[in-house]
Amino acid sequence: MDAVDWGVLSRAMEQYQRDGYKAVEMPWFVPVETQMLTCPREEWIMKVDGHGGLVGSSEQSFIAADLAGTLGKGRFVACTPCFRNEPYYDNLHRVGFMKVELYRNDDVSQSALNEVIADATNCMASLSGIVPGIEKTPEGFDLTIGGIEVGSYGIRSVKGISWIYGTGVAEPRFSTAVRMRREQPRERVSPADQGAGIKLSTFLLGR
């Protein structure tokens, strides 16, 4: 199984900060009630007595801080472990993994969501040399590499707050997707194709 590439996580954090996201430390535990705002089934939550639940994503940490009024407004980025009770586990589905998460609550509009997706697309392309594809989903958009989902993006509103959520990069899923894409017959994306891919993503996002 592929290992977490800590260098990818570090470089992603640096790039998002250059792009204007504020890096913040977020808790790994939040109240189960907060987790249920994004997790449809309580049995999927990993609970720890006296601490609440281990976050499935730092989006849940951001929500808890936003609801408490301690986060403020802006564009934020954090890196935390993610813990999941999955129906099965394999090289892409794990009990725990690391993820750089993007959270924006200063402008919660379609154009702002487009900007977050474009930032993630550019970051992943710079990390791998492969421009992710983009797919519409019932909740928002996914970025994919070689048919593997490497990020999800959308807008949520609960309890009087609204925000944009998005994957900055998740490890080792991102590295696994990149490796598998490179092992496919067309191993690398040419610079010309990279430019076309970015323009296509921009077009699909309406920017």
C-alpha atoms as a PDB file:
ATOM      1  CA  MET A   1       0.000   0.000   0.000  1.00  0.00           C
ATOM      2  CA  ASP A   2       1.192   3.514  -0.750  1.00  0.00           C
ATOM      3  CA  ALA A   3       2.531   5.564   2.148  1.00  0.00           C
ATOM      4  CA  VAL A   4       1.641   9.139   3.071  1.00  0.00           C
ATOM      5  CA  ASP A   5       3.871  11.582   1.202  1.00  0.00           C
ATOM      6  CA  TRP A   6       4.512  14.201   3.870  1.00  0.00           C
ATOM      7  CA  GLY A   7       6.351  16.357   1.357  1.00  0.00           C
ATOM      8  CA  VAL A   8       3.179  16.644  -0.736  1.00  0.00           C
ATOM      9  CA  LEU A   9       1.227  17.788   2.317  1.00  0.00           C
ATOM     10  CA  SER A  10       3.910  20.318   3.249  1.00  0.00           C
ATOM     11  CA  ARG A  11       4.202  21.756  -0.259  1.00  0.00           C
ATOM     12  CA  ALA A  12       0.428  22.000  -0.551  1.00  0.00           C
ATOM     13  CA  MET A  13       0.198  23.925   2.723  1.00  0.00           C
ATOM     14  CA  GLU A  14       2.865  26.325   1.499  1.00  0.00           C
ATOM     15  CA  GLN A  15       1.167  26.881  -1.857  1.00  0.00           C
ATOM     16  CA  TYR A  16      -2.271  27.537  -0.383  1.00  0.00           C
ATOM     17  CA  GLN A  17      -0.779  30.086   1.994  1.00  0.00           C
ATOM     18  CA  ARG A  18       0.834  31.825  -0.984  1.00  0.00           C
ATOM     19  CA  ASP A  19      -2.615  31.803  -2.609  1.00  0.00           C
ATOM     20  CA  GLY A  20      -4.071  33.716   0.338  1.00  0.00           C
ATOM     21  CA  TYR A  21      -5.362  31.016   2.690  1.00  0.00           C
ATOM     22  CA  LYS A  22      -4.626  31.434   6.389  1.00  0.00           C
ATOM     23  CA  ALA A  23      -3.055  28.346   7.968  1.00  0.00           C
ATOM     24  CA  VAL A  24      -4.664  27.410  11.284  1.00  0.00           C
ATOM     25  CA  GLU A  25      -4.327  24.558  13.776  1.00  0.00           C
ATOM     26  CA  MET A  26      -7.594  22.678  14.185  1.00  0.00           C
ATOM     27  CA  PRO A  27      -8.690  20.073  16.772  1.00  0.00           C
ATOM     28  CA  TRP A  28      -8.787  16.376  15.967  1.00  0.00           C
ATOM     29  CA  PHE A  29     -11.867  15.834  18.162  1.00  0.00           C
ATOM     30  CA  VAL A  30     -15.214  17.639  17.923  1.00  0.00           C
ATOM     31  CA  PRO A  31     -18.659  17.018  19.435  1.00  0.00           C
ATOM     32  CA  VAL A  32     -20.519  14.178  17.761  1.00  0.00           C
ATOM     33  CA  GLU A  33     -23.451  16.554  17.190  1.00  0.00           C
ATOM     34  CA  THR A  34     -21.181  18.736  15.045  1.00  0.00           C
ATOM     35  CA  GLN A  35     -19.927  15.751  13.080  1.00  0.00           C
ATOM     36  CA  MET A  36     -23.493  14.704  12.316  1.00  0.00           C
ATOM     37  CA  LEU A  37     -23.913  17.925  10.336  1.00  0.00           C
ATOM     38  CA  THR A  38     -21.775  16.415   7.561  1.00  0.00           C
ATOM     39  CA  CYS A  39     -21.830  12.692   8.427  1.00  0.00           C
ATOM     40  CA  PRO A  40     -25.209  11.078   7.672  1.00  0.00           C
ATOM     41  CA  ARG A  41     -24.802   8.060   9.968  1.00  0.00           C
ATOM     42  CA  GLU A  42     -23.581   8.147  13.562  1.00  0.00           C
ATOM     43  CA  GLU A  43     -22.100   4.643  13.350  1.00  0.00           C
ATOM     44  CA  TRP A  44     -19.571   5.998  10.845  1.00  0.00           C
ATOM     45  CA  ILE A  45     -18.087   8.248  13.547  1.00  0.00           C
ATOM     46  CA  MET A  46     -15.142   7.041  15.620  1.00  0.00           C
ATOM     47  CA  LYS A  47     -15.953   8.068  19.189  1.00  0.00           C
ATOM     48  CA  VAL A  48     -13.519   8.509  22.058  1.00  0.00           C
ATOM     49  CA  ASP A  49     -14.963   8.653  25.576  1.00  0.00           C
ATOM     50  CA  GLY A  50     -14.778  12.138  26.999  1.00  0.00           C
ATOM     51  CA  HIS A  51     -13.556  13.722  23.768  1.00  0.00           C
ATOM     52  CA  GLY A  52     -16.402  13.428  21.268  1.00  0.00           C
ATOM     53  CA  GLY A  53     -15.495  11.995  17.899  1.00  0.00           C
ATOM     54  CA  LEU A  54     -12.332  11.821  15.826  1.00  0.00           C
ATOM     55  CA  VAL A  55     -12.870  14.104  12.836  1.00  0.00           C
ATOM     56  CA  GLY A  56     -13.682  12.564   9.483  1.00  0.00           C
ATOM     57  CA  SER A  57     -12.217  15.749   7.985  1.00  0.00           C
ATOM     58  CA  SER A  58     -11.020  19.040   9.420  1.00  0.00           C
ATOM     59  CA  GLU A  59     -14.090  20.553   7.770  1.00  0.00           C
ATOM     60  CA  GLN A  60     -15.837  19.348  10.932  1.00  0.00           C
ATOM     61  CA  SER A  61     -13.221  21.138  13.049  1.00  0.00           C
ATOM     62  CA  PHE A  62     -13.797  24.330  11.082  1.00  0.00           C
ATOM     63  CA  ILE A  63     -17.559  24.029  11.528  1.00  0.00           C
ATOM     64  CA  ALA A  64     -17.186  23.651  15.286  1.00  0.00           C
ATOM     65  CA  ALA A  65     -14.983  26.753  15.470  1.00  0.00           C
ATOM     66  CA  ASP A  66     -17.285  28.708  13.151  1.00  0.00           C
ATOM     67  CA  LEU A  67     -20.357  27.837  15.232  1.00  0.00           C
ATOM     68  CA  ALA A  68     -18.485  28.856  18.395  1.00  0.00           C
ATOM     69  CA  GLY A  69     -17.566  32.216  16.855  1.00  0.00           C
ATOM     70  CA  THR A  70     -13.828  31.658  17.288  1.00  0.00           C
ATOM     71  CA  LEU A  71     -12.804  31.263  13.643  1.00  0.00           C
ATOM     72  CA  GLY A  72     -13.593  34.631  12.106  1.00  0.00           C
ATOM     73  CA  LYS A  73     -14.123  35.223   8.400  1.00  0.00           C
ATOM     74  CA  GLY A  74     -11.742  34.419   5.584  1.00  0.00           C
ATOM     75  CA  ARG A  75     -10.075  31.673   3.585  1.00  0.00           C
ATOM     76  CA  PHE A  76      -8.490  29.004   5.754  1.00  0.00           C
ATOM     77  CA  VAL A  77      -6.356  25.904   5.321  1.00  0.00           C
ATOM     78  CA  ALA A  78      -5.521  23.187   7.852  1.00  0.00           C
ATOM     79  CA  CYS A  79      -3.891  19.766   7.831  1.00  0.00           C
ATOM     80  CA  THR A  80      -5.276  17.079  10.141  1.00  0.00           C
ATOM     81  CA  PRO A  81      -5.721  13.329  10.264  1.00  0.00           C
ATOM     82  CA  CYS A  82      -9.080  12.013   9.073  1.00  0.00           C
ATOM     83  CA  PHE A  83     -10.688   8.937  10.602  1.00  0.00           C
ATOM     84  CA  ARG A  84     -13.373   6.914   8.840  1.00  0.00           C
ATOM     85  CA  ASN A  85     -15.451   3.842   9.617  1.00  0.00           C
ATOM     86  CA  GLU A  86     -15.688   2.521   6.064  1.00  0.00           C
ATOM     87  CA  PRO A  87     -17.709  -0.508   4.914  1.00  0.00           C
ATOM     88  CA  TYR A  88     -14.454  -1.888   3.481  1.00  0.00           C
ATOM     89  CA  TYR A  89     -10.798  -0.904   3.344  1.00  0.00           C
ATOM     90  CA  ASP A  90      -8.291  -0.987   0.498  1.00  0.00           C
ATOM     91  CA  ASN A  91      -5.497   1.155  -0.949  1.00  0.00           C
ATOM     92  CA  LEU A  92      -7.937   4.053  -1.431  1.00  0.00           C
ATOM     93  CA  HIS A  93     -10.184   3.584   1.627  1.00  0.00           C
ATOM     94  CA  ARG A  94      -8.418   3.650   4.977  1.00  0.00           C
ATOM     95  CA  VAL A  95      -9.199   3.901   8.666  1.00  0.00           C
ATOM     96  CA  GLY A  96      -7.017   6.989   8.843  1.00  0.00           C
ATOM     97  CA  PHE A  97      -5.299   9.310   6.406  1.00  0.00           C
ATOM     98  CA  MET A  98      -4.013  12.889   6.206  1.00  0.00           C
ATOM     99  CA  LYS A  99      -5.756  15.741   4.457  1.00  0.00           C
ATOM    100  CA  VAL A 100      -5.161  19.397   3.741  1.00  0.00           C
ATOM    101  CA  GLU A 101      -8.624  20.978   3.936  1.00  0.00           C
ATOM    102  CA  LEU A 102      -9.812  24.304   2.513  1.00  0.00           C
ATOM    103  CA  TYR A 103     -12.584  26.287   4.210  1.00  0.00           C
ATOM    104  CA  ARG A 104     -13.954  29.624   3.073  1.00  0.00           C
ATOM    105  CA  ASN A 105     -16.646  31.658   4.816  1.00  0.00           C
ATOM    106  CA  ASP A 106     -15.917  35.254   3.747  1.00  0.00           C
ATOM    107  CA  ASP A 107     -17.648  34.843   0.376  1.00  0.00           C
ATOM    108  CA  VAL A 108     -19.981  31.891  -0.017  1.00  0.00           C
ATOM    109  CA  SER A 109     -21.019  32.194  -3.652  1.00  0.00           C
ATOM    110  CA  GLN A 110     -20.681  30.139  -6.822  1.00  0.00           C
ATOM    111  CA  SER A 111     -17.847  32.366  -8.045  1.00  0.00           C
ATOM    112  CA  ALA A 112     -16.005  31.903  -4.736  1.00  0.00           C
ATOM    113  CA  LEU A 113     -16.491  28.131  -4.991  1.00  0.00           C
ATOM    114  CA  ASN A 114     -15.058  28.300  -8.514  1.00  0.00           C
ATOM    115  CA  GLU A 115     -11.999  30.077  -7.115  1.00  0.00           C
ATOM    116  CA  VAL A 116     -11.466  27.392  -4.461  1.00  0.00           C
ATOM    117  CA  ILE A 117     -11.724  24.623  -7.070  1.00  0.00           C
ATOM    118  CA  ALA A 118      -9.318  26.476  -9.371  1.00  0.00           C
ATOM    119  CA  ASP A 119      -6.833  26.872  -6.489  1.00  0.00           C
ATOM    120  CA  ALA A 120      -7.024  23.139  -5.743  1.00  0.00           C
ATOM    121  CA  THR A 121      -6.699  22.250  -9.438  1.00  0.00           C
ATOM    122  CA  ASN A 122      -3.606  24.414  -9.802  1.00  0.00           C
ATOM    123  CA  CYS A 123      -2.044  23.063  -6.609  1.00  0.00           C
ATOM    124  CA  MET A 124      -2.550  19.426  -7.575  1.00  0.00           C
ATOM    125  CA  ALA A 125      -1.256  20.104 -11.089  1.00  0.00           C
ATOM    126  CA  SER A 126       1.876  21.755  -9.699  1.00  0.00           C
ATOM    127  CA  LEU A 127       2.462  18.837  -7.312  1.00  0.00           C
ATOM    128  CA  SER A 128       2.067  16.117  -9.931  1.00  0.00           C
ATOM    129  CA  GLY A 129       2.347  17.566 -13.439  1.00  0.00           C
ATOM    130  CA  ILE A 130      -1.143  16.161 -14.081  1.00  0.00           C
ATOM    131  CA  VAL A 131      -4.177  18.425 -14.370  1.00  0.00           C
ATOM    132  CA  PRO A 132      -7.146  16.869 -12.541  1.00  0.00           C
ATOM    133  CA  GLY A 133     -10.429  16.425 -14.341  1.00  0.00           C
ATOM    134  CA  ILE A 134     -13.605  17.940 -12.940  1.00  0.00           C
ATOM    135  CA  GLU A 135     -16.966  16.257 -12.517  1.00  0.00           C
ATOM    136  CA  LYS A 136     -20.328  17.581 -11.343  1.00  0.00           C
ATOM    137  CA  THR A 137     -21.848  15.726  -8.385  1.00  0.00           C
ATOM    138  CA  PRO A 138     -25.183  16.054  -6.555  1.00  0.00           C
ATOM    139  CA  GLU A 139     -23.354  17.937  -3.762  1.00  0.00           C
ATOM    140  CA  GLY A 140     -20.996  20.059  -5.868  1.00  0.00           C
ATOM    141  CA  PHE A 141     -17.876  19.064  -7.809  1.00  0.00           C
ATOM    142  CA  ASP A 142     -15.152  16.405  -7.654  1.00  0.00           C
ATOM    143  CA  LEU A 143     -11.607  16.575  -8.970  1.00  0.00           C
ATOM    144  CA  THR A 144     -10.313  13.307 -10.412  1.00  0.00           C
ATOM    145  CA  ILE A 145      -7.033  11.854 -11.593  1.00  0.00           C
ATOM    146  CA  GLY A 146      -7.192   8.735 -13.725  1.00  0.00           C
ATOM    147  CA  GLY A 147     -10.812   8.222 -12.717  1.00  0.00           C
ATOM    148  CA  ILE A 148     -10.033   8.374  -8.989  1.00  0.00           C
ATOM    149  CA  GLU A 149     -11.678  11.116  -6.930  1.00  0.00           C
ATOM    150  CA  VAL A 150      -8.971  13.228  -5.300  1.00  0.00           C
ATOM    151  CA  GLY A 151     -11.083  16.093  -3.957  1.00  0.00           C
ATOM    152  CA  SER A 152     -14.661  17.173  -3.276  1.00  0.00           C
ATOM    153  CA  TYR A 153     -15.974  20.758  -3.247  1.00  0.00           C
ATOM    154  CA  GLY A 154     -19.249  22.443  -2.453  1.00  0.00           C
ATOM    155  CA  ILE A 155     -21.274  24.871  -0.356  1.00  0.00           C
ATOM    156  CA  ARG A 156     -23.072  24.047   2.882  1.00  0.00           C
ATOM    157  CA  SER A 157     -25.316  26.007   5.250  1.00  0.00           C
ATOM    158  CA  VAL A 158     -26.391  24.929   8.750  1.00  0.00           C
ATOM    159  CA  LYS A 159     -27.386  26.640  11.993  1.00  0.00           C
ATOM    160  CA  GLY A 160     -26.983  30.142  10.607  1.00  0.00           C
ATOM    161  CA  ILE A 161     -23.530  29.709   9.063  1.00  0.00           C
ATOM    162  CA  SER A 162     -22.517  29.042   5.452  1.00  0.00           C
ATOM    163  CA  TRP A 163     -19.182  27.959   4.047  1.00  0.00           C
ATOM    164  CA  ILE A 164     -17.299  26.511   1.105  1.00  0.00           C
ATOM    165  CA  TYR A 165     -15.472  23.246   1.736  1.00  0.00           C
ATOM    166  CA  GLY A 166     -12.818  21.613  -0.387  1.00  0.00           C
ATOM    167  CA  THR A 167      -9.953  19.145  -0.414  1.00  0.00           C
ATOM    168  CA  GLY A 168      -6.547  20.761  -0.681  1.00  0.00           C
ATOM    169  CA  VAL A 169      -4.869  17.362  -1.059  1.00  0.00           C
ATOM    170  CA  ALA A 170      -5.385  14.011   0.695  1.00  0.00           C
ATOM    171  CA  GLU A 171      -2.624  11.499   1.317  1.00  0.00           C
ATOM    172  CA  PRO A 172      -1.924   8.819   0.352  1.00  0.00           C
ATOM    173  CA  ARG A 173      -4.968   8.871  -2.009  1.00  0.00           C
ATOM    174  CA  PHE A 174      -3.457  11.667  -4.118  1.00  0.00           C
ATOM    175  CA  SER A 175      -0.105   9.898  -4.533  1.00  0.00           C
ATOM    176  CA  THR A 176      -1.889   6.625  -5.307  1.00  0.00           C
ATOM    177  CA  ALA A 177      -4.013   8.272  -8.009  1.00  0.00           C
ATOM    178  CA  VAL A 178      -0.956   9.954  -9.534  1.00  0.00           C
ATOM    179  CA  ARG A 179       1.036   6.710  -9.537  1.00  0.00           C
ATOM    180  CA  MET A 180      -1.810   4.762 -11.141  1.00  0.00           C
ATOM    181  CA  ARG A 181      -2.333   7.483 -13.754  1.00  0.00           C
ATOM    182  CA  ARG A 182       1.349   7.385 -14.674  1.00  0.00           C
ATOM    183  CA  GLU A 183       1.181   3.607 -15.011  1.00  0.00           C
ATOM    184  CA  GLN A 184      -1.540   3.953 -17.634  1.00  0.00           C
ATOM    185  CA  PRO A 185      -0.460   3.821 -21.337  1.00  0.00           C
ATOM    186  CA  ARG A 186      -0.270   7.616 -21.676  1.00  0.00           C
ATOM    187  CA  GLU A 187       2.028   8.173 -18.746  1.00  0.00           C
ATOM    188  CA  ARG A 188       2.474  11.919 -18.724  1.00  0.00           C
ATOM    189  CA  VAL A 189       0.483  14.980 -19.651  1.00  0.00           C
ATOM    190  CA  SER A 190       2.357  17.269 -22.033  1.00  0.00           C
ATOM    191  CA  PRO A 191       2.732  20.986 -21.234  1.00  0.00           C
ATOM    192  CA  ALA A 192       0.296  21.739 -24.064  1.00  0.00           C
ATOM    193  CA  ASP A 193      -2.262  19.330 -22.598  1.00  0.00           C
ATOM    194  CA  GLN A 194      -1.741  20.836 -19.151  1.00  0.00           C
ATOM    195  CA  GLY A 195      -2.603  24.279 -20.469  1.00  0.00           C
ATOM    196  CA  ALA A 196      -5.646  22.934 -22.284  1.00  0.00           C
ATOM    197  CA  GLY A 197      -6.744  21.116 -19.144  1.00  0.00           C
ATOM    198  CA  ILE A 198      -6.572  24.265 -17.055  1.00  0.00           C
ATOM    199  CA  LYS A 199      -8.528  26.209 -19.667  1.00  0.00           C
ATOM    200  CA  LEU A 200     -11.123  23.427 -19.870  1.00  0.00           C
ATOM    201  CA  SER A 201     -11.539  23.374 -16.089  1.00  0.00           C
ATOM    202  CA  THR A 202     -11.857  27.150 -16.088  1.00  0.00           C
ATOM    203  CA  PHE A 203     -14.472  26.958 -18.833  1.00  0.00           C
ATOM    204  CA  LEU A 204     -16.505  24.313 -17.025  1.00  0.00           C
ATOM    205  CA  LEU A 205     -16.461  26.409 -13.863  1.00  0.00           C
ATOM    206  CA  GLY A 206     -17.746  29.451 -15.710  1.00  0.00           C
ATOM    207  CA  ARG A 207     -14.806  31.678 -14.791  1.00  0.00           C
END
